[in-house]
């Protein structure tokens, strides 16, 4: 009876082991998806912020060479503050991801440990069950006690399966131990990364505090120069007014010129059609000529009332392409930041003073090249007191304006390509290098930030 019960017991043990091992394998294969895209985006943002900090620090250093507080210096400090806050926010987001990873890895470590303990317990039971046939004599007795040849073969197969299961169980224990070691190593690395990021965050917060103190000091100094700031603001407003008048004049002239050219072409086409229709017929020729003259006068009168640029097929295509690139235009300078935005806003120092900007002021490095943001024709090159040299480029019925240039390298009527250098930025007496950029659609002033792409 005992000999008969051993195959059944061994079979039961094999089935038990198969049942216990199955769920453990499935459990080990479960993985929590990681938001790799979000982490990659955070990494890109971190690199972009570090690049912006480096650029802003260089610009700030140039404004500090004059040993005098200035609005340009304040703008550079405020820009650096904004970027610094972005760096800290980025680090906080990375820390949250790492904390999630740590929790997930800790959970996986716990699961692997539990699975390893189960495997070891199963293996111990397997070894105990097989200890009764541990030597060759017992195995031979087990085999030769068979009542038939078929039972002999069945018992022989059981012994082989027992050996295979024991080996497979030992291999599972080895793999589980290796997995646990790998997870523990990863967990240690994640905790080290977390500690490093926490130290970096602490350092960046100290830098932020230093910048805020520096900002307050500059504001105090500028407040003491209120009279000079008001004079500077008045001079700027007069310069802006002169620039506005020049832009409005050139836009009106271009609208009128394009309208007259269109009227001239229409009249020439009408005359050609009339001549072709009257070829060989004298009667009524005089009356038709008078009608053509009246049509020409009407077209000329209509041209004087046009309030937008009359486009040819070529300029219409250029304007459409400019429109399609809204939000994707390159910046007029390769490095820098927006120091004064479009529209009405409060003065950075003077209380209850509102300033209005027709474009955006971009603070940059000294001698930085100023580039065309789109292909077009140079409509105007001029000098405006308080705004330096200006270049106005036409793109169909769109116009871009580049002011505060020190040198100009293009001339009126010249065709330019996108990113082609128009000149170099000027630097004022306070050490601030700044270019003003404007966008117009016919006589309508547009917000350039809606047209520029990400730098």
Protein backbone atom coordinates (compact mmCIF):
# COMPACT_ATOMS: atom_id res chain seq x y z
CA UNK A 1 0.00 0.00 0.00
CA UNK A 2 2.85 2.33 0.74
CA UNK A 3 4.48 1.64 -2.63
CA UNK A 4 1.20 2.34 -4.36
CA UNK A 5 0.69 5.60 -2.51
CA UNK A 6 4.10 7.08 -3.47
CA UNK A 7 3.28 7.71 -7.16
CA UNK A 8 0.02 9.36 -6.18
CA UNK A 9 1.78 11.49 -3.56
CA UNK A 10 4.49 12.48 -6.04
CA UNK A 11 1.91 13.32 -8.70
CA UNK A 12 0.00 15.41 -6.19
CA UNK A 13 3.24 17.22 -5.28
CA UNK A 14 4.00 17.92 -8.95
CA UNK A 15 0.53 19.32 -9.52
CA UNK A 16 0.82 21.43 -6.35
CA UNK A 17 4.16 22.86 -7.47
CA UNK A 18 2.82 23.64 -10.94
CA UNK A 19 -0.15 25.43 -9.41
CA UNK A 20 2.01 27.43 -7.01
CA UNK A 21 4.63 28.38 -9.59
CA UNK A 22 2.15 29.53 -12.22
CA UNK A 23 0.70 32.61 -10.50
CA UNK A 24 4.16 33.66 -9.31
CA UNK A 25 5.45 33.85 -12.88
CA UNK A 26 2.47 35.91 -13.98
CA UNK A 27 2.91 38.24 -11.02
CA UNK A 28 6.57 38.83 -11.87
CA UNK A 29 5.69 39.76 -15.45
CA UNK A 30 3.37 42.59 -14.45
CA UNK A 31 4.91 46.00 -15.03
CA UNK A 32 3.61 49.46 -14.37
CA UNK A 33 3.86 51.66 -17.49
CA UNK A 34 6.19 54.64 -17.10
CA UNK A 35 5.35 58.01 -18.61
CA UNK A 36 8.58 58.26 -20.61
CA UNK A 37 7.25 61.07 -22.79
CA UNK A 38 6.55 63.28 -19.81
CA UNK A 39 10.00 62.63 -18.39
CA UNK A 40 11.57 63.42 -21.75
CA UNK A 41 9.59 66.64 -21.92
CA UNK A 42 10.80 67.59 -18.44
CA UNK A 43 14.36 66.94 -19.54
CA UNK A 44 13.92 69.16 -22.61
CA UNK A 45 12.45 71.90 -20.47
CA UNK A 46 15.32 71.60 -18.01
CA UNK A 47 17.90 71.99 -20.79
CA UNK A 48 15.99 74.94 -22.27
CA UNK A 49 15.81 76.66 -18.88
CA UNK A 50 19.51 76.18 -18.27
CA UNK A 51 20.23 77.66 -21.69
CA UNK A 52 17.99 80.64 -20.96
CA UNK A 53 19.68 81.19 -17.59
CA UNK A 54 23.08 81.17 -19.29
CA UNK A 55 21.95 83.69 -21.93
CA UNK A 56 20.25 85.94 -19.38
CA UNK A 57 23.27 85.86 -17.07
CA UNK A 58 25.48 87.04 -19.94
CA UNK A 59 23.06 89.87 -20.77
CA UNK A 60 22.78 90.84 -17.10
CA UNK A 61 26.57 90.95 -16.78
CA UNK A 62 26.73 93.41 -19.70
CA UNK A 63 24.19 95.74 -18.09
CA UNK A 64 26.11 95.62 -14.79
CA UNK A 65 29.35 96.80 -16.37
CA UNK A 66 28.16 100.40 -16.14
CA UNK A 67 28.00 100.16 -12.32
CA UNK A 68 24.63 101.90 -12.46
CA UNK A 69 21.12 100.59 -11.89
CA UNK A 70 19.00 100.64 -15.06
CA UNK A 71 15.67 99.38 -16.32
CA UNK A 72 17.56 97.01 -18.61
CA UNK A 73 19.35 95.54 -15.61
CA UNK A 74 16.03 95.16 -13.79
CA UNK A 75 14.50 93.45 -16.82
CA UNK A 76 17.38 90.98 -16.98
CA UNK A 77 17.05 90.16 -13.28
CA UNK A 78 13.28 89.68 -13.60
CA UNK A 79 13.75 87.39 -16.60
CA UNK A 80 16.30 85.35 -14.68
CA UNK A 81 13.87 85.14 -11.76
CA UNK A 82 11.15 83.77 -14.02
CA UNK A 83 13.49 81.17 -15.51
CA UNK A 84 14.82 80.27 -12.06
CA UNK A 85 11.28 79.64 -10.85
CA UNK A 86 10.75 77.45 -13.90
CA UNK A 87 13.87 75.45 -13.00
CA UNK A 88 12.62 74.87 -9.46
CA UNK A 89 9.17 73.88 -10.72
CA UNK A 90 10.79 71.49 -13.19
CA UNK A 91 12.85 69.88 -10.42
CA UNK A 92 9.71 69.47 -8.30
CA UNK A 93 8.02 67.65 -11.19
CA UNK A 94 11.04 65.38 -11.64
CA UNK A 95 11.02 64.63 -7.92
CA UNK A 96 7.38 63.57 -8.12
CA UNK A 97 8.20 61.18 -10.95
CA UNK A 98 11.16 59.74 -9.06
CA UNK A 99 9.03 59.33 -5.91
CA UNK A 100 6.47 57.42 -7.97
CA UNK A 101 9.25 55.25 -9.42
CA UNK A 102 10.63 54.59 -5.95
CA UNK A 103 7.21 53.52 -4.66
CA UNK A 104 6.69 51.25 -7.67
CA UNK A 105 10.14 49.69 -7.29
CA UNK A 106 9.60 49.18 -3.56
CA UNK A 107 6.34 47.39 -4.39
CA UNK A 108 8.12 45.21 -6.96
CA UNK A 109 10.87 44.43 -4.44
CA UNK A 110 8.25 43.35 -1.90
CA UNK A 111 6.50 41.15 -4.46
CA UNK A 112 9.78 39.56 -5.53
CA UNK A 113 10.76 38.88 -1.93
CA UNK A 114 7.42 37.22 -1.25
CA UNK A 115 7.74 35.16 -4.40
CA UNK A 116 11.28 34.15 -3.45
CA UNK A 117 10.10 33.02 -0.02
CA UNK A 118 7.33 30.94 -1.61
CA UNK A 119 9.78 29.36 -4.06
CA UNK A 120 12.18 28.50 -1.24
CA UNK A 121 9.36 26.99 0.83
CA UNK A 122 8.16 24.97 -2.16
CA UNK A 123 11.69 23.79 -2.82
CA UNK A 124 12.11 22.75 0.81
CA UNK A 125 8.92 20.68 0.64
CA UNK A 126 10.09 19.15 -2.61
CA UNK A 127 13.45 18.20 -1.11
CA UNK A 128 11.74 16.75 1.96
CA UNK A 129 9.34 14.69 -0.17
CA UNK A 130 12.22 13.37 -2.24
CA UNK A 131 14.45 12.61 0.72
CA UNK A 132 12.75 9.23 1.11
CA UNK A 133 14.20 8.19 -2.26
CA UNK A 134 17.40 10.12 -1.90
CA UNK A 135 19.71 7.18 -2.55
CA UNK A 136 19.83 4.77 -5.47
CA UNK A 137 18.82 1.76 -3.35
CA UNK A 138 15.49 3.34 -2.34
CA UNK A 139 14.80 4.41 -5.92
CA UNK A 140 15.47 0.85 -7.16
CA UNK A 141 13.23 -0.59 -4.46
CA UNK A 142 10.54 1.91 -5.46
CA UNK A 143 10.82 0.85 -9.10
CA UNK A 144 11.04 -2.93 -8.59
CA UNK A 145 8.10 -2.92 -6.21
CA UNK A 146 5.89 -2.17 -9.20
CA UNK A 147 3.10 -4.66 -9.78
CA UNK A 148 3.34 -4.42 -13.59
CA UNK A 149 5.65 -3.22 -16.32
CA UNK A 150 3.35 -0.28 -17.05
CA UNK A 151 3.50 0.76 -13.39
CA UNK A 152 7.30 0.47 -13.58
CA UNK A 153 7.42 2.87 -16.54
CA UNK A 154 5.03 5.23 -14.79
CA UNK A 155 7.17 5.29 -11.63
CA UNK A 156 10.31 5.82 -13.70
CA UNK A 157 8.66 8.81 -15.39
CA UNK A 158 7.69 10.21 -11.98
CA UNK A 159 11.30 10.04 -10.80
CA UNK A 160 12.46 11.88 -13.91
CA UNK A 161 9.76 14.53 -13.50
CA UNK A 162 10.70 14.93 -9.87
CA UNK A 163 14.32 15.62 -10.89
CA UNK A 164 13.24 18.09 -13.59
CA UNK A 165 10.88 19.93 -11.23
CA UNK A 166 13.59 20.23 -8.58
CA UNK A 167 16.02 21.64 -11.14
CA UNK A 168 13.39 24.04 -12.52
CA UNK A 169 12.54 25.14 -8.98
CA UNK A 170 16.20 25.82 -8.23
CA UNK A 171 16.49 27.85 -11.48
CA UNK A 172 13.40 29.89 -10.53
CA UNK A 173 14.93 30.68 -7.15
CA UNK A 174 18.15 31.83 -8.86
CA UNK A 175 16.25 34.04 -11.31
CA UNK A 176 14.11 35.52 -8.54
CA UNK A 177 17.21 36.31 -6.51
CA UNK A 178 18.83 38.00 -9.52
CA UNK A 179 15.66 40.01 -10.17
CA UNK A 180 15.62 41.09 -6.54
CA UNK A 181 19.26 42.16 -6.69
CA UNK A 182 18.58 44.19 -9.85
CA UNK A 183 15.53 45.85 -8.31
CA UNK A 184 17.44 46.71 -5.13
CA UNK A 185 20.24 48.24 -7.20
CA UNK A 186 17.72 50.29 -9.20
CA UNK A 187 16.01 51.39 -6.00
CA UNK A 188 19.32 52.56 -4.56
CA UNK A 189 20.07 54.54 -7.73
CA UNK A 190 16.63 56.14 -7.67
CA UNK A 191 17.08 57.18 -4.05
CA UNK A 192 20.51 58.63 -4.86
CA UNK A 193 19.02 60.55 -7.79
CA UNK A 194 16.27 61.82 -5.54
CA UNK A 195 18.80 63.00 -2.96
CA UNK A 196 20.86 64.72 -5.66
CA UNK A 197 17.79 66.49 -7.03
CA UNK A 198 16.78 67.62 -3.55
CA UNK A 199 20.22 69.17 -3.08
CA UNK A 200 19.98 70.82 -6.49
CA UNK A 201 16.54 72.18 -5.63
CA UNK A 202 17.87 73.61 -2.37
CA UNK A 203 20.73 75.29 -4.23
CA UNK A 204 18.37 76.74 -6.86
CA UNK A 205 16.10 78.12 -4.13
CA UNK A 206 19.08 79.86 -2.56
CA UNK A 207 19.90 81.36 -5.97
CA UNK A 208 16.28 82.50 -6.28
CA UNK A 209 16.46 84.21 -2.90
CA UNK A 210 19.68 85.98 -3.91
CA UNK A 211 18.07 87.18 -7.14
CA UNK A 212 15.06 88.56 -5.27
CA UNK A 213 17.37 90.52 -2.97
CA UNK A 214 19.24 91.83 -6.01
CA UNK A 215 15.95 92.79 -7.65
CA UNK A 216 14.84 94.72 -4.58
CA UNK A 217 18.16 96.58 -4.45
CA UNK A 218 17.89 97.64 -8.10
CA UNK A 219 14.28 98.78 -7.62
CA UNK A 220 15.32 100.90 -4.63
CA UNK A 221 18.10 102.53 -6.65
CA UNK A 222 15.80 103.15 -9.61
CA UNK A 223 13.14 104.64 -7.36
CA UNK A 224 15.71 107.18 -6.23
CA UNK A 225 16.18 108.11 -9.90
CA UNK A 226 12.50 108.82 -10.50
CA UNK A 227 13.06 112.17 -12.18
CA UNK A 228 15.57 110.71 -14.62
CA UNK A 229 13.24 107.80 -15.34
CA UNK A 230 10.38 110.15 -16.16
CA UNK A 231 12.60 112.12 -18.53
CA UNK A 232 13.73 108.87 -20.14
CA UNK A 233 10.10 107.74 -20.49
CA UNK A 234 9.10 111.06 -22.09
CA UNK A 235 11.97 110.79 -24.57
CA UNK A 236 10.96 107.23 -25.40
CA UNK A 237 7.34 108.23 -25.98
CA UNK A 238 8.43 110.96 -28.38
CA UNK A 239 10.67 108.48 -30.20
CA UNK A 240 7.84 105.94 -30.39
CA UNK A 241 5.50 108.60 -31.76
CA UNK A 242 8.03 109.52 -34.47
CA UNK A 243 8.42 105.84 -35.38
CA UNK A 244 4.63 105.35 -35.50
CA UNK A 245 4.24 108.32 -37.81
CA UNK A 246 6.98 107.02 -40.11
CA UNK A 247 5.46 103.53 -40.26
CA UNK A 248 1.95 104.90 -40.88
CA UNK A 249 3.28 107.16 -43.64
CA UNK A 250 5.17 104.38 -45.42
CA UNK A 251 2.22 101.99 -45.14
CA UNK A 252 -0.13 104.63 -46.60
CA UNK A 253 2.33 105.34 -49.40
CA UNK A 254 2.65 101.66 -50.21
CA UNK A 255 -1.13 101.19 -50.20
CA UNK A 256 -1.57 104.15 -52.55
CA UNK A 257 1.30 103.04 -54.80
CA UNK A 258 -0.02 99.48 -55.12
CA UNK A 259 -3.53 100.79 -55.81
CA UNK A 260 -2.30 103.18 -58.50
CA UNK A 261 -0.26 100.42 -60.09
CA UNK A 262 -3.28 98.12 -60.12
CA UNK A 263 -5.44 100.89 -61.62
CA UNK A 264 -2.81 101.59 -64.26
CA UNK A 265 -2.66 97.93 -65.26
CA UNK A 266 -6.46 97.70 -65.35
CA UNK A 267 -6.68 100.81 -67.54
CA UNK A 268 -3.98 99.52 -69.89
CA UNK A 269 -5.85 96.25 -70.20
CA UNK A 270 -9.10 98.10 -70.95
CA UNK A 271 -7.39 100.22 -73.64
CA UNK A 272 -5.90 97.13 -75.24
CA UNK A 273 -9.29 95.43 -75.28
CA UNK A 274 -10.92 98.52 -76.79
CA UNK A 275 -8.30 98.86 -79.49
CA UNK A 276 -8.74 95.21 -80.40
CA UNK A 277 -12.54 95.60 -80.54
CA UNK A 278 -12.36 98.78 -82.67
CA UNK A 279 -9.75 97.53 -85.10
CA UNK A 280 -10.93 98.55 -88.62
CA UNK A 281 -14.04 100.37 -87.31
CA UNK A 282 -13.92 104.17 -87.22
CA UNK A 283 -17.50 104.90 -86.14
CA UNK A 284 -17.85 105.35 -82.43
CA UNK A 285 -14.11 105.21 -81.79
CA UNK A 286 -14.07 108.63 -80.19
CA UNK A 287 -16.92 107.81 -77.80
CA UNK A 288 -15.23 104.57 -76.76
CA UNK A 289 -12.01 106.40 -76.09
CA UNK A 290 -13.88 108.84 -73.89
CA UNK A 291 -15.47 105.94 -72.05
CA UNK A 292 -12.05 104.42 -71.45
CA UNK A 293 -10.75 107.72 -70.10
CA UNK A 294 -13.74 107.94 -67.75
CA UNK A 295 -13.04 104.38 -66.57
CA UNK A 296 -9.41 105.31 -65.92
CA UNK A 297 -10.43 108.35 -63.89
CA UNK A 298 -12.84 106.26 -61.85
CA UNK A 299 -10.16 103.64 -61.18
CA UNK A 300 -7.68 106.32 -60.09
CA UNK A 301 -10.27 107.90 -57.78
CA UNK A 302 -11.02 104.48 -56.28
CA UNK A 303 -7.31 103.85 -55.75
CA UNK A 304 -7.10 106.92 -53.53
CA UNK A 305 -9.78 105.44 -51.24
CA UNK A 306 -8.20 101.98 -50.79
CA UNK A 307 -7.20 101.20 -47.20
CA UNK A 308 -5.22 98.03 -47.84
CA UNK A 309 -2.40 96.96 -50.09
CA UNK A 310 -3.61 95.82 -53.50
CA UNK A 311 -1.92 92.47 -54.04
CA UNK A 312 -0.59 90.96 -57.23
CA UNK A 313 -0.65 87.18 -57.64
CA UNK A 314 2.98 87.04 -56.45
CA UNK A 315 2.53 89.27 -53.41
CA UNK A 316 -0.74 87.51 -52.54
CA UNK A 317 1.13 84.20 -52.43
CA UNK A 318 3.81 85.75 -50.22
CA UNK A 319 1.21 87.19 -47.84
CA UNK A 320 -0.60 83.85 -47.65
CA UNK A 321 2.67 82.11 -46.81
CA UNK A 322 3.36 84.69 -44.09
CA UNK A 323 -0.09 84.04 -42.63
CA UNK A 324 0.49 80.28 -42.69
CA UNK A 325 3.63 80.76 -40.60
CA UNK A 326 1.81 82.48 -37.76
CA UNK A 327 3.31 81.23 -34.49
CA UNK A 328 6.32 79.73 -36.28
CA UNK A 329 8.38 82.74 -37.37
CA UNK A 330 12.01 82.77 -36.19
CA UNK A 331 13.07 85.38 -33.67
CA UNK A 332 14.76 88.52 -35.06
CA UNK A 333 17.76 87.75 -32.81
CA UNK A 334 19.33 84.41 -31.98
CA UNK A 335 19.65 85.08 -28.25
CA UNK A 336 17.71 87.17 -25.78
CA UNK A 337 14.38 87.57 -24.02
CA UNK A 338 11.32 89.80 -24.26
CA UNK A 339 11.99 92.72 -21.93
CA UNK A 340 8.83 94.65 -22.75
CA UNK A 341 5.70 93.06 -24.13
CA UNK A 342 3.11 94.27 -26.61
CA UNK A 343 0.29 96.60 -25.58
CA UNK A 344 -0.41 98.59 -22.42
CA UNK A 345 1.21 97.66 -19.13
CA UNK A 346 2.52 99.25 -15.96
CA UNK A 347 5.96 100.79 -15.83
CA UNK A 348 8.36 98.42 -14.00
CA UNK A 349 9.35 101.13 -11.48
CA UNK A 350 7.19 104.27 -11.73
CA UNK A 351 3.90 103.93 -9.91
CA UNK A 352 0.61 104.74 -11.66
CA UNK A 353 2.42 105.07 -14.98
CA UNK A 354 1.16 103.05 -17.94
CA UNK A 355 3.28 102.57 -21.05
CA UNK A 356 2.16 101.33 -24.44
CA UNK A 357 4.28 99.29 -26.81
CA UNK A 358 3.51 98.79 -30.50
CA UNK A 359 5.72 95.72 -30.63
CA UNK A 360 8.01 93.77 -28.35
CA UNK A 361 11.40 94.82 -27.04
CA UNK A 362 13.92 91.97 -27.05
CA UNK A 363 16.96 92.42 -24.83
CA UNK A 364 20.02 90.62 -26.17
CA UNK A 365 23.82 90.64 -26.33
CA UNK A 366 25.86 93.59 -27.48
CA UNK A 367 26.48 93.47 -31.25
CA UNK A 368 23.91 90.67 -31.80
CA UNK A 369 22.88 90.34 -35.49
CA UNK A 370 19.27 91.30 -36.26
CA UNK A 371 17.62 89.01 -38.83
CA UNK A 372 14.57 89.13 -41.07
CA UNK A 373 11.86 86.81 -39.79
CA UNK A 374 10.49 86.13 -43.29
CA UNK A 375 11.39 86.69 -46.91
CA UNK A 376 10.27 89.99 -48.44
CA UNK A 377 11.33 93.36 -49.81
CA UNK A 378 13.03 96.10 -47.81
CA UNK A 379 10.53 98.94 -47.92
CA UNK A 380 12.30 101.47 -45.70
CA UNK A 381 15.68 102.11 -44.17
CA UNK A 382 15.66 105.21 -41.96
CA UNK A 383 16.97 106.76 -38.78
CA UNK A 384 14.58 107.86 -36.04
CA UNK A 385 15.91 109.89 -33.07
CA UNK A 386 15.59 107.80 -29.93
CA UNK A 387 14.96 104.57 -31.89
CA UNK A 388 18.23 104.37 -33.80
CA UNK A 389 18.22 102.94 -37.30
CA UNK A 390 15.12 101.08 -38.47
CA UNK A 391 14.43 98.60 -41.24
CA UNK A 392 10.93 97.91 -42.54
CA UNK A 393 10.37 94.77 -44.62
CA UNK A 394 7.24 94.15 -46.70
CA UNK A 395 5.70 90.67 -47.06
CA UNK A 396 2.72 91.27 -49.37
CA UNK A 397 0.24 93.18 -47.23
CA UNK A 398 2.22 92.40 -44.05
CA UNK A 399 5.07 94.51 -42.70
CA UNK A 400 7.74 93.75 -40.09
CA UNK A 401 9.69 96.54 -38.41
CA UNK A 402 13.10 96.27 -36.77
CA UNK A 403 14.11 99.29 -34.67
CA UNK A 404 17.05 100.20 -32.40
CA UNK A 405 19.67 99.03 -34.85
CA UNK A 406 23.23 100.32 -34.66
CA UNK A 407 24.30 99.31 -38.16
CA UNK A 408 22.17 98.41 -41.21
CA UNK A 409 23.45 96.03 -43.89
CA UNK A 410 20.55 96.22 -46.41
CA UNK A 411 19.10 98.93 -48.63
CA UNK A 412 15.62 99.99 -49.78
CA UNK A 413 14.15 97.86 -52.55
CA UNK A 414 16.43 94.92 -51.74
CA UNK A 415 14.91 91.44 -51.57
CA UNK A 416 15.82 89.54 -48.41
CA UNK A 417 15.39 85.94 -47.29
CA UNK A 418 14.23 84.63 -43.93
CA UNK A 419 17.02 84.79 -41.31
CA UNK A 420 19.08 87.13 -43.48
CA UNK A 421 21.00 89.70 -41.43
CA UNK A 422 19.56 93.21 -41.62
CA UNK A 423 22.01 94.84 -39.21
CA UNK A 424 23.24 94.72 -35.61
CA UNK A 425 21.51 95.72 -32.40
CA UNK A 426 22.46 99.00 -30.72
CA UNK A 427 23.57 99.40 -27.09
CA UNK A 428 22.43 102.44 -25.11
CA UNK A 429 24.44 104.46 -22.61
CA UNK A 430 23.30 102.21 -19.74
CA UNK A 431 24.72 99.11 -21.42
CA UNK A 432 21.37 97.68 -22.49
CA UNK A 433 21.26 96.06 -25.95
CA UNK A 434 17.70 95.93 -27.19
CA UNK A 435 15.85 95.59 -30.49
CA UNK A 436 12.21 96.46 -31.03
CA UNK A 437 10.21 94.23 -33.34
CA UNK A 438 6.77 95.05 -34.75
CA UNK A 439 4.28 93.32 -37.05
CA UNK A 440 1.66 95.14 -39.13
CA UNK A 441 -1.11 93.95 -41.43
CA UNK A 442 -1.85 96.88 -43.69
CA UNK A 443 -2.59 99.63 -41.13
CA UNK A 444 -3.39 97.24 -38.26
CA UNK A 445 -0.82 96.78 -35.51
CA UNK A 446 -0.47 93.11 -34.42
CA UNK A 447 1.00 91.40 -31.38
CA UNK A 448 4.38 89.96 -32.49
CA UNK A 449 4.31 87.27 -29.79
CA UNK A 450 1.44 85.61 -31.65
CA UNK A 451 3.66 85.29 -34.72
CA UNK A 452 7.03 84.31 -33.28
CA UNK A 453 7.77 80.65 -32.66
CA UNK A 454 9.45 79.10 -29.66
CA UNK A 455 13.06 80.17 -29.38
